[in-house]
C-alpha atoms as a PDB file:
ATOM      1  CA  MET A   1     -30.477 -68.033  27.769  1.00  0.00           C
ATOM      2  CA  LYS A   2     -32.419 -65.815  30.179  1.00  0.00           C
ATOM      3  CA  GLU A   3     -29.437 -63.502  30.622  1.00  0.00           C
ATOM      4  CA  VAL A   4     -28.714 -63.400  26.892  1.00  0.00           C
ATOM      5  CA  LEU A   5     -32.307 -62.591  25.994  1.00  0.00           C
ATOM      6  CA  ALA A   6     -32.446 -59.830  28.592  1.00  0.00           C
ATOM      7  CA  ASP A   7     -29.199 -58.189  27.407  1.00  0.00           C
ATOM      8  CA  ASP A   8     -29.890 -55.698  24.591  1.00  0.00           C
ATOM      9  CA  THR A   9     -26.196 -55.584  23.665  1.00  0.00           C
ATOM     10  CA  VAL A  10     -26.299 -59.272  22.666  1.00  0.00           C
ATOM     11  CA  LYS A  11     -27.565 -59.604  19.093  1.00  0.00           C
ATOM     12  CA  ALA A  12     -26.970 -63.322  18.518  1.00  0.00           C
ATOM     13  CA  VAL A  13     -25.702 -66.427  20.302  1.00  0.00           C
ATOM     14  CA  VAL A  14     -23.069 -68.919  19.123  1.00  0.00           C
ATOM     15  CA  ILE A  15     -22.921 -72.314  20.819  1.00  0.00           C
ATOM     16  CA  THR A  16     -19.677 -74.221  20.300  1.00  0.00           C
ATOM     17  CA  GLY A  17     -17.526 -76.844  21.954  1.00  0.00           C
ATOM     18  CA  ALA A  18     -13.825 -77.366  22.477  1.00  0.00           C
ATOM     19  CA  HIS A  19     -11.044 -79.787  21.601  1.00  0.00           C
ATOM     20  CA  GLY A  20     -12.607 -81.048  18.370  1.00  0.00           C
ATOM     21  CA  THR A  21     -15.967 -81.877  19.910  1.00  0.00           C
ATOM     22  CA  PHE A  22     -19.154 -79.838  19.610  1.00  0.00           C
ATOM     23  CA  CYS A  23     -20.913 -81.902  22.241  1.00  0.00           C
ATOM     24  CA  ALA A  24     -20.548 -85.588  22.954  1.00  0.00           C
ATOM     25  CA  GLY A  25     -23.907 -85.972  24.677  1.00  0.00           C
ATOM     26  CA  ALA A  26     -24.450 -86.961  28.290  1.00  0.00           C
ATOM     27  CA  ASP A  27     -21.937 -86.266  31.031  1.00  0.00           C
ATOM     28  CA  ILE A  28     -21.421 -89.800  32.278  1.00  0.00           C
ATOM     29  CA  SER A  29     -20.215 -88.531  35.662  1.00  0.00           C
ATOM     30  CA  GLU A  30     -23.822 -87.456  36.279  1.00  0.00           C
ATOM     31  CA  PHE A  31     -24.958 -91.075  36.132  1.00  0.00           C
ATOM     32  CA  ALA A  32     -23.528 -91.547  39.627  1.00  0.00           C
ATOM     33  CA  THR A  33     -24.166 -88.091  41.093  1.00  0.00           C
ATOM     34  CA  GLY A  34     -27.437 -87.061  39.464  1.00  0.00           C
ATOM     35  CA  ILE A  35     -28.193 -84.426  36.876  1.00  0.00           C
ATOM     36  CA  HIS A  36     -27.020 -80.875  37.571  1.00  0.00           C
ATOM     37  CA  GLY A  37     -28.822 -77.991  35.908  1.00  0.00           C
ATOM     38  CA  PRO A  38     -31.949 -77.966  33.795  1.00  0.00           C
ATOM     39  CA  PRO A  39     -33.013 -81.031  31.808  1.00  0.00           C
ATOM     40  CA  LEU A  40     -31.880 -81.074  28.176  1.00  0.00           C
ATOM     41  CA  PRO A  41     -35.398 -80.745  26.702  1.00  0.00           C
ATOM     42  CA  MET A  42     -35.856 -77.474  28.626  1.00  0.00           C
ATOM     43  CA  VAL A  43     -32.509 -76.157  27.366  1.00  0.00           C
ATOM     44  CA  ILE A  44     -33.354 -77.023  23.768  1.00  0.00           C
ATOM     45  CA  ALA A  45     -36.823 -75.488  24.084  1.00  0.00           C
ATOM     46  CA  SER A  46     -35.291 -72.214  25.296  1.00  0.00           C
ATOM     47  CA  VAL A  47     -32.847 -72.214  22.377  1.00  0.00           C
ATOM     48  CA  GLU A  48     -35.623 -72.896  19.865  1.00  0.00           C
ATOM     49  CA  ALA A  49     -37.843 -70.184  21.369  1.00  0.00           C
ATOM     50  CA  SER A  50     -35.081 -67.563  21.441  1.00  0.00           C
ATOM     51  CA  THR A  51     -35.980 -64.273  19.804  1.00  0.00           C
ATOM     52  CA  LYS A  52     -32.290 -63.831  18.993  1.00  0.00           C
ATOM     53  CA  PRO A  53     -30.587 -66.036  16.401  1.00  0.00           C
ATOM     54  CA  VAL A  54     -28.748 -69.025  17.865  1.00  0.00           C
ATOM     55  CA  VAL A  55     -25.976 -70.631  15.788  1.00  0.00           C
ATOM     56  CA  ALA A  56     -24.377 -74.022  16.430  1.00  0.00           C
ATOM     57  CA  ALA A  57     -20.706 -73.797  15.416  1.00  0.00           C
ATOM     58  CA  ILE A  58     -19.899 -77.489  15.019  1.00  0.00           C
ATOM     59  CA  ASP A  59     -16.301 -78.677  14.838  1.00  0.00           C
ATOM     60  CA  GLY A  60     -15.928 -82.392  15.307  1.00  0.00           C
ATOM     61  CA  VAL A  61     -18.426 -84.830  16.762  1.00  0.00           C
ATOM     62  CA  SER A  62     -21.952 -83.959  17.789  1.00  0.00           C
ATOM     63  CA  LEU A  63     -23.391 -87.021  19.510  1.00  0.00           C
ATOM     64  CA  GLY A  64     -26.640 -87.815  21.299  1.00  0.00           C
ATOM     65  CA  GLY A  65     -27.820 -84.778  23.227  1.00  0.00           C
ATOM     66  CA  GLY A  66     -25.209 -82.681  21.442  1.00  0.00           C
ATOM     67  CA  CYS A  67     -26.878 -83.450  18.133  1.00  0.00           C
ATOM     68  CA  GLU A  68     -30.212 -82.465  19.689  1.00  0.00           C
ATOM     69  CA  VAL A  69     -28.723 -79.144  20.827  1.00  0.00           C
ATOM     70  CA  ALA A  70     -27.386 -78.487  17.330  1.00  0.00           C
ATOM     71  CA  LEU A  71     -30.767 -79.278  15.794  1.00  0.00           C
ATOM     72  CA  GLY A  72     -32.448 -76.919  18.279  1.00  0.00           C
ATOM     73  CA  CYS A  73     -30.349 -74.000  17.063  1.00  0.00           C
ATOM     74  CA  HIS A  74     -31.729 -71.742  14.350  1.00  0.00           C
ATOM     75  CA  PHE A  75     -28.625 -72.192  12.198  1.00  0.00           C
ATOM     76  CA  ARG A  76     -25.791 -74.725  12.040  1.00  0.00           C
ATOM     77  CA  VAL A  77     -22.301 -74.170  10.638  1.00  0.00           C
ATOM     78  CA  ALA A  78     -19.982 -77.174  10.513  1.00  0.00           C
ATOM     79  CA  SER A  79     -16.315 -77.691   9.762  1.00  0.00           C
ATOM     80  CA  THR A  80     -15.187 -80.360   7.317  1.00  0.00           C
ATOM     81  CA  ARG A  81     -14.146 -82.472  10.336  1.00  0.00           C
ATOM     82  CA  SER A  82     -17.757 -82.715  11.500  1.00  0.00           C
END
């Protein structure tokens, strides 16, 4: 988000997933190895505080933390499969 907010050529952000899943929540591999990257609440706070519009493009499931990410976005657009 820091890079996006600093780049004047970026007017909006779209967050999406792949393979019929927006976000399925926690990466269970991190249960054994520890969390990599910033904690989810910090990520969501940066999305919510963004001065540029952030859209969740949801196609398929949005579970757990993925649902939280979607709710943190300014706008949500979902397919009929969602």
